[in-house]
All heavy atoms as atom14 arrays in JSON, in Angstrom:
{
  "sequence": "ALAQRHTDALLESLRAALDAPAERRERVEATLDTYLAAIEARPQV",
  "atom14_mask": [
    [1, 1, 1, 1, 1, 0, 0, 0, 0, 0, 0, 0, 0, 0],
    [1, 1, 1, 1, 1, 1, 1, 1, 0, 0, 0, 0, 0, 0],
    [1, 1, 1, 1, 1, 0, 0, 0, 0, 0, 0, 0, 0, 0],
    [1, 1, 1, 1, 1, 1, 1, 1, 1, 0, 0, 0, 0, 0],
    [1, 1, 1, 1, 1, 1, 1, 1, 1, 1, 1, 0, 0, 0],
    [1, 1, 1, 1, 1, 1, 1, 1, 1, 1, 0, 0, 0, 0],
    [1, 1, 1, 1, 1, 1, 1, 0, 0, 0, 0, 0, 0, 0],
    [1, 1, 1, 1, 1, 1, 1, 1, 0, 0, 0, 0, 0, 0],
    [1, 1, 1, 1, 1, 0, 0, 0, 0, 0, 0, 0, 0, 0],
    [1, 1, 1, 1, 1, 1, 1, 1, 0, 0, 0, 0, 0, 0],
    [1, 1, 1, 1, 1, 1, 1, 1, 0, 0, 0, 0, 0, 0],
    [1, 1, 1, 1, 1, 1, 1, 1, 1, 0, 0, 0, 0, 0],
    [1, 1, 1, 1, 1, 1, 0, 0, 0, 0, 0, 0, 0, 0],
    [1, 1, 1, 1, 1, 1, 1, 1, 0, 0, 0, 0, 0, 0],
    [1, 1, 1, 1, 1, 1, 1, 1, 1, 1, 1, 0, 0, 0],
    [1, 1, 1, 1, 1, 0, 0, 0, 0, 0, 0, 0, 0, 0],
    [1, 1, 1, 1, 1, 0, 0, 0, 0, 0, 0, 0, 0, 0],
    [1, 1, 1, 1, 1, 1, 1, 1, 0, 0, 0, 0, 0, 0],
    [1, 1, 1, 1, 1, 1, 1, 1, 0, 0, 0, 0, 0, 0],
    [1, 1, 1, 1, 1, 0, 0, 0, 0, 0, 0, 0, 0, 0],
    [1, 1, 1, 1, 1, 1, 1, 0, 0, 0, 0, 0, 0, 0],
    [1, 1, 1, 1, 1, 0, 0, 0, 0, 0, 0, 0, 0, 0],
    [1, 1, 1, 1, 1, 1, 1, 1, 1, 0, 0, 0, 0, 0],
    [1, 1, 1, 1, 1, 1, 1, 1, 1, 1, 1, 0, 0, 0],
    [1, 1, 1, 1, 1, 1, 1, 1, 1, 1, 1, 0, 0, 0],
    [1, 1, 1, 1, 1, 1, 1, 1, 1, 0, 0, 0, 0, 0],
    [1, 1, 1, 1, 1, 1, 1, 1, 1, 1, 1, 0, 0, 0],
    [1, 1, 1, 1, 1, 1, 1, 0, 0, 0, 0, 0, 0, 0],
    [1, 1, 1, 1, 1, 1, 1, 1, 1, 0, 0, 0, 0, 0],
    [1, 1, 1, 1, 1, 0, 0, 0, 0, 0, 0, 0, 0, 0],
    [1, 1, 1, 1, 1, 1, 1, 0, 0, 0, 0, 0, 0, 0],
    [1, 1, 1, 1, 1, 1, 1, 1, 0, 0, 0, 0, 0, 0],
    [1, 1, 1, 1, 1, 1, 1, 1, 0, 0, 0, 0, 0, 0],
    [1, 1, 1, 1, 1, 1, 1, 0, 0, 0, 0, 0, 0, 0],
    [1, 1, 1, 1, 1, 1, 1, 1, 1, 1, 1, 1, 0, 0],
    [1, 1, 1, 1, 1, 1, 1, 1, 0, 0, 0, 0, 0, 0],
    [1, 1, 1, 1, 1, 0, 0, 0, 0, 0, 0, 0, 0, 0],
    [1, 1, 1, 1, 1, 0, 0, 0, 0, 0, 0, 0, 0, 0],
    [1, 1, 1, 1, 1, 1, 1, 1, 0, 0, 0, 0, 0, 0],
    [1, 1, 1, 1, 1, 1, 1, 1, 1, 0, 0, 0, 0, 0],
    [1, 1, 1, 1, 1, 0, 0, 0, 0, 0, 0, 0, 0, 0],
    [1, 1, 1, 1, 1, 1, 1, 1, 1, 1, 1, 0, 0, 0],
    [1, 1, 1, 1, 1, 1, 1, 0, 0, 0, 0, 0, 0, 0],
    [1, 1, 1, 1, 1, 1, 1, 1, 1, 0, 0, 0, 0, 0],
    [1, 1, 1, 1, 1, 1, 1, 0, 0, 0, 0, 0, 0, 0]
  ],
  "atom14_positions": [
    [[3.1, 4.03, -10.58], [3.14, 4.2, -9.16], [4.27, 3.3, -8.56], [5.04, 3.79, -7.71], [1.8, 3.96, -8.43], [0.0, 0.0, 0.0], [0.0, 0.0, 0.0], [0.0, 0.0, 0.0], [0.0, 0.0, 0.0], [0.0, 0.0, 0.0], [0.0, 0.0, 0.0], [0.0, 0.0, 0.0], [0.0, 0.0, 0.0], [0.0, 0.0, 0.0]],
    [[4.35, 2.1, -9.02], [5.48, 1.23, -8.57], [6.81, 1.78, -8.99], [7.82, 1.78, -8.31], [5.19, -0.23, -9.03], [4.16, -0.99, -8.39], [3.84, -2.28, -9.15], [4.61, -1.31, -6.96], [0.0, 0.0, 0.0], [0.0, 0.0, 0.0], [0.0, 0.0, 0.0], [0.0, 0.0, 0.0], [0.0, 0.0, 0.0], [0.0, 0.0, 0.0]],
    [[6.84, 2.19, -10.28], [8.19, 2.8, -10.78], [8.59, 3.99, -9.98], [9.82, 4.13, -9.66], [8.01, 3.15, -12.3], [0.0, 0.0, 0.0], [0.0, 0.0, 0.0], [0.0, 0.0, 0.0], [0.0, 0.0, 0.0], [0.0, 0.0, 0.0], [0.0, 0.0, 0.0], [0.0, 0.0, 0.0], [0.0, 0.0, 0.0], [0.0, 0.0, 0.0]],
    [[7.71, 4.84, -9.68], [8.06, 6.07, -8.92], [8.51, 5.65, -7.54], [9.54, 6.21, -6.98], [6.83, 6.97, -8.71], [7.21, 8.25, -8.03], [6.12, 9.27, -7.95], [5.14, 9.16, -8.73], [6.25, 10.29, -7.11], [0.0, 0.0, 0.0], [0.0, 0.0, 0.0], [0.0, 0.0, 0.0], [0.0, 0.0, 0.0], [0.0, 0.0, 0.0]],
    [[7.9, 4.7, -6.85], [8.27, 4.22, -5.51], [9.65, 3.75, -5.55], [10.49, 4.07, -4.61], [7.22, 3.09, -5.17], [7.51, 2.45, -3.84], [6.4, 1.38, -3.65], [6.52, 0.56, -2.43], [5.86, 0.77, -1.33], [4.95, 1.8, -1.25], [5.96, 0.07, -0.27], [0.0, 0.0, 0.0], [0.0, 0.0, 0.0], [0.0, 0.0, 0.0]],
    [[9.97, 2.92, -6.48], [11.35, 2.3, -6.49], [12.42, 3.25, -7.02], [13.52, 3.28, -6.52], [11.4, 1.02, -7.31], [10.63, -0.09, -6.69], [11.2, -0.77, -5.61], [9.42, -0.63, -6.97], [10.32, -1.71, -5.2], [9.2, -1.62, -5.96], [0.0, 0.0, 0.0], [0.0, 0.0, 0.0], [0.0, 0.0, 0.0], [0.0, 0.0, 0.0]],
    [[12.0, 4.15, -7.96], [12.99, 5.15, -8.43], [13.27, 6.23, -7.3], [14.4, 6.6, -7.2], [12.46, 5.86, -9.7], [12.05, 4.88, -10.63], [13.49, 6.85, -10.26], [0.0, 0.0, 0.0], [0.0, 0.0, 0.0], [0.0, 0.0, 0.0], [0.0, 0.0, 0.0], [0.0, 0.0, 0.0], [0.0, 0.0, 0.0], [0.0, 0.0, 0.0]],
    [[12.28, 6.58, -6.59], [12.57, 7.53, -5.54], [13.57, 6.93, -4.46], [14.47, 7.57, -4.13], [11.21, 7.8, -4.68], [10.28, 8.75, -5.59], [10.75, 9.33, -6.48], [9.11, 8.81, -5.11], [0.0, 0.0, 0.0], [0.0, 0.0, 0.0], [0.0, 0.0, 0.0], [0.0, 0.0, 0.0], [0.0, 0.0, 0.0], [0.0, 0.0, 0.0]],
    [[13.37, 5.62, -4.15], [14.27, 5.04, -3.18], [15.68, 4.91, -3.78], [16.71, 5.18, -3.11], [13.77, 3.7, -2.79], [0.0, 0.0, 0.0], [0.0, 0.0, 0.0], [0.0, 0.0, 0.0], [0.0, 0.0, 0.0], [0.0, 0.0, 0.0], [0.0, 0.0, 0.0], [0.0, 0.0, 0.0], [0.0, 0.0, 0.0], [0.0, 0.0, 0.0]],
    [[15.77, 4.62, -5.11], [17.06, 4.43, -5.65], [17.74, 5.76, -5.82], [18.99, 5.88, -5.47], [16.99, 3.87, -7.12], [18.21, 3.7, -7.94], [19.25, 2.87, -7.23], [17.89, 3.09, -9.3], [0.0, 0.0, 0.0], [0.0, 0.0, 0.0], [0.0, 0.0, 0.0], [0.0, 0.0, 0.0], [0.0, 0.0, 0.0], [0.0, 0.0, 0.0]],
    [[17.09, 6.82, -6.13], [17.64, 8.16, -6.35], [18.11, 8.65, -4.92], [19.21, 9.32, -4.93], [16.64, 9.13, -6.88], [16.45, 8.98, -8.43], [15.26, 9.85, -8.88], [17.69, 9.31, -9.27], [0.0, 0.0, 0.0], [0.0, 0.0, 0.0], [0.0, 0.0, 0.0], [0.0, 0.0, 0.0], [0.0, 0.0, 0.0], [0.0, 0.0, 0.0]],
    [[17.44, 8.39, -3.94], [17.84, 8.76, -2.53], [19.16, 8.09, -2.26], [20.08, 8.75, -1.67], [16.82, 8.38, -1.53], [17.13, 8.86, -0.1], [15.97, 8.58, 0.76], [14.84, 8.23, 0.45], [16.24, 8.74, 2.06], [0.0, 0.0, 0.0], [0.0, 0.0, 0.0], [0.0, 0.0, 0.0], [0.0, 0.0, 0.0], [0.0, 0.0, 0.0]],
    [[19.3, 6.86, -2.59], [20.55, 6.01, -2.25], [21.75, 6.65, -3.15], [22.87, 6.76, -2.69], [20.37, 4.58, -2.6], [19.44, 4.02, -1.7], [0.0, 0.0, 0.0], [0.0, 0.0, 0.0], [0.0, 0.0, 0.0], [0.0, 0.0, 0.0], [0.0, 0.0, 0.0], [0.0, 0.0, 0.0], [0.0, 0.0, 0.0], [0.0, 0.0, 0.0]],
    [[21.4, 6.96, -4.41], [22.43, 7.63, -5.3], [22.94, 8.87, -4.82], [24.12, 9.19, -4.83], [21.94, 7.58, -6.67], [21.67, 6.33, -7.46], [21.02, 6.61, -8.8], [22.94, 5.51, -7.63], [0.0, 0.0, 0.0], [0.0, 0.0, 0.0], [0.0, 0.0, 0.0], [0.0, 0.0, 0.0], [0.0, 0.0, 0.0], [0.0, 0.0, 0.0]],
    [[22.0, 9.73, -4.34], [22.38, 11.02, -3.85], [23.29, 10.85, -2.56], [24.22, 11.62, -2.38], [21.18, 11.84, -3.45], [20.39, 12.29, -4.7], [19.3, 13.33, -4.28], [18.21, 13.51, -5.32], [17.05, 12.89, -5.37], [16.72, 12.14, -4.33], [16.22, 13.15, -6.29], [0.0, 0.0, 0.0], [0.0, 0.0, 0.0], [0.0, 0.0, 0.0]],
    [[22.93, 9.87, -1.73], [23.76, 9.64, -0.53], [25.12, 9.23, -0.92], [26.13, 9.68, -0.25], [23.09, 8.61, 0.31], [0.0, 0.0, 0.0], [0.0, 0.0, 0.0], [0.0, 0.0, 0.0], [0.0, 0.0, 0.0], [0.0, 0.0, 0.0], [0.0, 0.0, 0.0], [0.0, 0.0, 0.0], [0.0, 0.0, 0.0], [0.0, 0.0, 0.0]],
    [[25.3, 8.38, -1.92], [26.64, 7.98, -2.35], [27.47, 9.18, -2.93], [28.62, 9.31, -2.69], [26.5, 6.94, -3.41], [0.0, 0.0, 0.0], [0.0, 0.0, 0.0], [0.0, 0.0, 0.0], [0.0, 0.0, 0.0], [0.0, 0.0, 0.0], [0.0, 0.0, 0.0], [0.0, 0.0, 0.0], [0.0, 0.0, 0.0], [0.0, 0.0, 0.0]],
    [[26.71, 10.14, -3.75], [27.39, 11.25, -4.19], [27.8, 12.23, -3.09], [28.77, 13.05, -3.32], [26.47, 11.92, -5.28], [26.34, 11.22, -6.62], [25.13, 11.77, -7.39], [27.58, 11.39, -7.39], [0.0, 0.0, 0.0], [0.0, 0.0, 0.0], [0.0, 0.0, 0.0], [0.0, 0.0, 0.0], [0.0, 0.0, 0.0], [0.0, 0.0, 0.0]],
    [[27.0, 12.3, -2.11], [27.27, 13.24, -0.97], [28.21, 12.77, 0.07], [28.55, 13.48, 1.01], [25.96, 13.69, -0.33], [25.18, 14.56, -1.22], [25.7, 15.22, -2.07], [23.95, 14.55, -1.05], [0.0, 0.0, 0.0], [0.0, 0.0, 0.0], [0.0, 0.0, 0.0], [0.0, 0.0, 0.0], [0.0, 0.0, 0.0], [0.0, 0.0, 0.0]],
    [[28.64, 11.47, -0.03], [29.61, 10.86, 0.99], [30.91, 11.61, 1.13], [31.44, 12.09, 0.1], [29.74, 9.35, 0.69], [0.0, 0.0, 0.0], [0.0, 0.0, 0.0], [0.0, 0.0, 0.0], [0.0, 0.0, 0.0], [0.0, 0.0, 0.0], [0.0, 0.0, 0.0], [0.0, 0.0, 0.0], [0.0, 0.0, 0.0], [0.0, 0.0, 0.0]],
    [[31.43, 11.71, 2.26], [32.69, 12.44, 2.45], [33.83, 11.51, 2.02], [34.42, 10.76, 2.78], [32.77, 12.71, 4.08], [31.85, 11.55, 4.59], [30.86, 11.26, 3.59], [0.0, 0.0, 0.0], [0.0, 0.0, 0.0], [0.0, 0.0, 0.0], [0.0, 0.0, 0.0], [0.0, 0.0, 0.0], [0.0, 0.0, 0.0], [0.0, 0.0, 0.0]],
    [[34.17, 11.63, 0.73], [35.25, 10.77, 0.21], [35.84, 11.46, -1.0], [35.26, 12.5, -1.48], [34.67, 9.37, -0.22], [0.0, 0.0, 0.0], [0.0, 0.0, 0.0], [0.0, 0.0, 0.0], [0.0, 0.0, 0.0], [0.0, 0.0, 0.0], [0.0, 0.0, 0.0], [0.0, 0.0, 0.0], [0.0, 0.0, 0.0], [0.0, 0.0, 0.0]],
    [[36.88, 10.99, -1.53], [37.51, 11.48, -2.79], [36.59, 11.29, -3.92], [35.78, 10.42, -3.94], [38.92, 10.87, -3.02], [39.87, 11.12, -2.0], [40.25, 12.62, -1.93], [40.35, 13.25, -2.98], [40.44, 13.09, -0.8], [0.0, 0.0, 0.0], [0.0, 0.0, 0.0], [0.0, 0.0, 0.0], [0.0, 0.0, 0.0], [0.0, 0.0, 0.0]],
    [[36.72, 12.07, -5.05], [35.85, 11.96, -6.17], [35.75, 10.62, -6.75], [34.71, 10.17, -7.05], [36.21, 13.04, -7.21], [35.12, 13.12, -8.34], [35.63, 14.06, -9.41], [35.57, 15.51, -8.96], [35.88, 16.55, -9.75], [36.25, 16.3, -11.03], [35.86, 17.75, -9.32], [0.0, 0.0, 0.0], [0.0, 0.0, 0.0], [0.0, 0.0, 0.0]],
    [[36.9, 9.99, -6.98], [36.99, 8.66, -7.55], [36.18, 7.69, -6.66], [35.39, 6.86, -7.2], [38.35, 8.21, -7.75], [38.57, 6.7, -8.18], [38.22, 6.53, -9.53], [38.18, 5.02, -9.9], [38.62, 4.57, -10.98], [38.99, 5.26, -12.05], [38.57, 3.21, -11.19], [0.0, 0.0, 0.0], [0.0, 0.0, 0.0], [0.0, 0.0, 0.0]],
    [[36.4, 7.8, -5.37], [35.57, 6.89, -4.44], [34.09, 7.07, -4.58], [33.37, 6.08, -4.57], [36.08, 7.01, -3.04], [37.48, 6.64, -2.74], [37.81, 7.02, -1.37], [38.2, 8.21, -1.01], [37.94, 6.11, -0.53], [0.0, 0.0, 0.0], [0.0, 0.0, 0.0], [0.0, 0.0, 0.0], [0.0, 0.0, 0.0], [0.0, 0.0, 0.0]],
    [[33.66, 8.36, -4.68], [32.24, 8.58, -4.87], [31.64, 8.17, -6.16], [30.5, 7.71, -6.24], [32.01, 10.12, -4.54], [32.03, 10.44, -3.09], [31.6, 11.84, -2.78], [32.72, 12.71, -3.0], [32.8, 13.66, -3.98], [31.72, 13.85, -4.71], [33.79, 14.46, -4.1], [0.0, 0.0, 0.0], [0.0, 0.0, 0.0], [0.0, 0.0, 0.0]],
    [[32.49, 8.27, -7.18], [32.08, 7.83, -8.52], [31.79, 6.33, -8.41], [30.75, 5.71, -8.87], [33.07, 8.13, -9.67], [32.75, 7.38, -10.93], [33.06, 9.68, -9.9], [0.0, 0.0, 0.0], [0.0, 0.0, 0.0], [0.0, 0.0, 0.0], [0.0, 0.0, 0.0], [0.0, 0.0, 0.0], [0.0, 0.0, 0.0], [0.0, 0.0, 0.0]],
    [[32.74, 5.57, -7.86], [32.58, 4.13, -7.75], [31.44, 3.76, -6.8], [30.74, 2.83, -7.05], [33.97, 3.46, -7.21], [35.03, 3.57, -8.24], [36.27, 2.7, -7.85], [36.16, 2.07, -6.73], [37.26, 2.76, -8.56], [0.0, 0.0, 0.0], [0.0, 0.0, 0.0], [0.0, 0.0, 0.0], [0.0, 0.0, 0.0], [0.0, 0.0, 0.0]],
    [[31.34, 4.47, -5.65], [30.21, 4.18, -4.78], [28.82, 4.38, -5.42], [27.87, 3.68, -5.24], [30.35, 5.1, -3.43], [0.0, 0.0, 0.0], [0.0, 0.0, 0.0], [0.0, 0.0, 0.0], [0.0, 0.0, 0.0], [0.0, 0.0, 0.0], [0.0, 0.0, 0.0], [0.0, 0.0, 0.0], [0.0, 0.0, 0.0], [0.0, 0.0, 0.0]],
    [[28.79, 5.43, -6.31], [27.52, 5.7, -7.04], [27.18, 4.57, -7.97], [26.02, 4.07, -8.03], [27.59, 7.05, -7.71], [27.82, 8.05, -6.83], [26.24, 7.32, -8.39], [0.0, 0.0, 0.0], [0.0, 0.0, 0.0], [0.0, 0.0, 0.0], [0.0, 0.0, 0.0], [0.0, 0.0, 0.0], [0.0, 0.0, 0.0], [0.0, 0.0, 0.0]],
    [[28.12, 4.11, -8.77], [27.96, 2.98, -9.7], [27.55, 1.72, -8.94], [26.62, 1.05, -9.31], [29.22, 2.73, -10.49], [29.59, 3.86, -11.47], [31.03, 3.64, -12.07], [28.69, 3.94, -12.64], [0.0, 0.0, 0.0], [0.0, 0.0, 0.0], [0.0, 0.0, 0.0], [0.0, 0.0, 0.0], [0.0, 0.0, 0.0], [0.0, 0.0, 0.0]],
    [[28.31, 1.57, -7.79], [28.01, 0.28, -6.99], [26.64, 0.35, -6.37], [25.99, -0.76, -6.24], [29.05, 0.17, -5.93], [28.97, -1.21, -5.33], [29.07, -2.23, -5.89], [28.74, -1.2, -3.98], [0.0, 0.0, 0.0], [0.0, 0.0, 0.0], [0.0, 0.0, 0.0], [0.0, 0.0, 0.0], [0.0, 0.0, 0.0], [0.0, 0.0, 0.0]],
    [[26.15, 1.5, -6.01], [24.81, 1.63, -5.37], [23.76, 1.19, -6.41], [22.83, 0.44, -6.05], [24.53, 3.1, -4.92], [25.5, 3.41, -3.89], [23.06, 3.27, -4.51], [0.0, 0.0, 0.0], [0.0, 0.0, 0.0], [0.0, 0.0, 0.0], [0.0, 0.0, 0.0], [0.0, 0.0, 0.0], [0.0, 0.0, 0.0], [0.0, 0.0, 0.0]],
    [[23.94, 1.64, -7.63], [22.95, 1.25, -8.64], [22.98, -0.29, -8.92], [21.91, -0.92, -8.9], [23.24, 2.0, -9.99], [22.35, 1.52, -11.14], [21.02, 2.01, -11.25], [22.77, 0.61, -11.99], [20.18, 1.62, -12.25], [21.96, 0.16, -13.02], [20.73, 0.67, -13.15], [19.85, 0.14, -14.16], [0.0, 0.0, 0.0], [0.0, 0.0, 0.0]],
    [[24.2, -0.81, -9.1], [24.34, -2.24, -9.37], [23.8, -3.06, -8.17], [23.21, -4.13, -8.33], [25.78, -2.57, -9.65], [26.26, -1.97, -11.03], [27.73, -2.1, -11.19], [25.52, -2.51, -12.27], [0.0, 0.0, 0.0], [0.0, 0.0, 0.0], [0.0, 0.0, 0.0], [0.0, 0.0, 0.0], [0.0, 0.0, 0.0], [0.0, 0.0, 0.0]],
    [[24.09, -2.57, -6.97], [23.76, -3.34, -5.81], [22.21, -3.41, -5.72], [21.63, -4.33, -5.28], [24.3, -2.74, -4.49], [0.0, 0.0, 0.0], [0.0, 0.0, 0.0], [0.0, 0.0, 0.0], [0.0, 0.0, 0.0], [0.0, 0.0, 0.0], [0.0, 0.0, 0.0], [0.0, 0.0, 0.0], [0.0, 0.0, 0.0], [0.0, 0.0, 0.0]],
    [[21.52, -2.28, -6.03], [20.13, -2.25, -6.0], [19.44, -3.2, -6.93], [18.48, -3.96, -6.59], [19.54, -0.83, -6.28], [0.0, 0.0, 0.0], [0.0, 0.0, 0.0], [0.0, 0.0, 0.0], [0.0, 0.0, 0.0], [0.0, 0.0, 0.0], [0.0, 0.0, 0.0], [0.0, 0.0, 0.0], [0.0, 0.0, 0.0], [0.0, 0.0, 0.0]],
    [[19.98, -3.3, -8.24], [19.35, -4.25, -9.06], [19.72, -5.7, -8.78], [18.98, -6.6, -9.06], [19.66, -3.89, -10.61], [21.11, -4.13, -10.96], [19.17, -2.54, -10.89], [21.46, -3.97, -12.45], [0.0, 0.0, 0.0], [0.0, 0.0, 0.0], [0.0, 0.0, 0.0], [0.0, 0.0, 0.0], [0.0, 0.0, 0.0], [0.0, 0.0, 0.0]],
    [[20.85, -5.88, -8.17], [21.3, -7.29, -7.8], [20.41, -7.73, -6.59], [20.06, -8.88, -6.53], [22.74, -7.31, -7.37], [23.29, -8.58, -7.06], [24.68, -8.59, -6.6], [25.21, -7.66, -6.03], [25.46, -9.62, -6.93], [0.0, 0.0, 0.0], [0.0, 0.0, 0.0], [0.0, 0.0, 0.0], [0.0, 0.0, 0.0], [0.0, 0.0, 0.0]],
    [[20.11, -6.83, -5.63], [19.39, -7.21, -4.47], [17.96, -7.55, -4.8], [17.34, -8.39, -4.1], [19.5, -6.03, -3.45], [0.0, 0.0, 0.0], [0.0, 0.0, 0.0], [0.0, 0.0, 0.0], [0.0, 0.0, 0.0], [0.0, 0.0, 0.0], [0.0, 0.0, 0.0], [0.0, 0.0, 0.0], [0.0, 0.0, 0.0], [0.0, 0.0, 0.0]],
    [[17.27, -6.91, -5.81], [15.88, -7.14, -6.15], [15.84, -7.31, -7.61], [15.16, -6.48, -8.32], [15.07, -5.97, -5.66], [15.3, -5.64, -4.14], [14.33, -4.59, -3.67], [13.04, -5.18, -3.3], [11.94, -4.42, -2.98], [12.07, -3.11, -2.9], [10.78, -4.99, -2.63], [0.0, 0.0, 0.0], [0.0, 0.0, 0.0], [0.0, 0.0, 0.0]],
    [[16.34, -8.41, -8.2], [16.36, -8.64, -9.6], [15.0, -8.74, -10.14], [14.67, -8.3, -11.31], [17.11, -9.88, -9.81], [17.07, -10.54, -8.48], [17.05, -9.51, -7.42], [0.0, 0.0, 0.0], [0.0, 0.0, 0.0], [0.0, 0.0, 0.0], [0.0, 0.0, 0.0], [0.0, 0.0, 0.0], [0.0, 0.0, 0.0], [0.0, 0.0, 0.0]],
    [[13.96, -9.3, -9.4], [12.62, -9.49, -9.93], [11.98, -8.12, -10.13], [11.3, -7.89, -11.03], [11.82, -10.35, -8.91], [12.18, -11.83, -9.01], [11.75, -12.49, -10.27], [12.31, -12.2, -11.35], [10.88, -13.52, -10.12], [0.0, 0.0, 0.0], [0.0, 0.0, 0.0], [0.0, 0.0, 0.0], [0.0, 0.0, 0.0], [0.0, 0.0, 0.0]],
    [[12.23, -7.17, -9.15], [11.71, -5.83, -9.27], [12.27, -5.1, -10.48], [11.58, -4.53, -11.3], [11.98, -4.95, -8.07], [11.59, -3.55, -8.2], [11.27, -5.6, -6.79], [0.0, 0.0, 0.0], [0.0, 0.0, 0.0], [0.0, 0.0, 0.0], [0.0, 0.0, 0.0], [0.0, 0.0, 0.0], [0.0, 0.0, 0.0], [0.0, 0.0, 0.0]]
  ]
}
């Protein structure tokens, strides 16, 4: 249940990065950064 809760939130953020109005390279970098920012912000989780 906890894994689903956090994975749902992460996937929503990743989709937002992929859907952002930007060039493909920018969206690739934004998607990678979204994942890394998430684990950096809540390392204990």
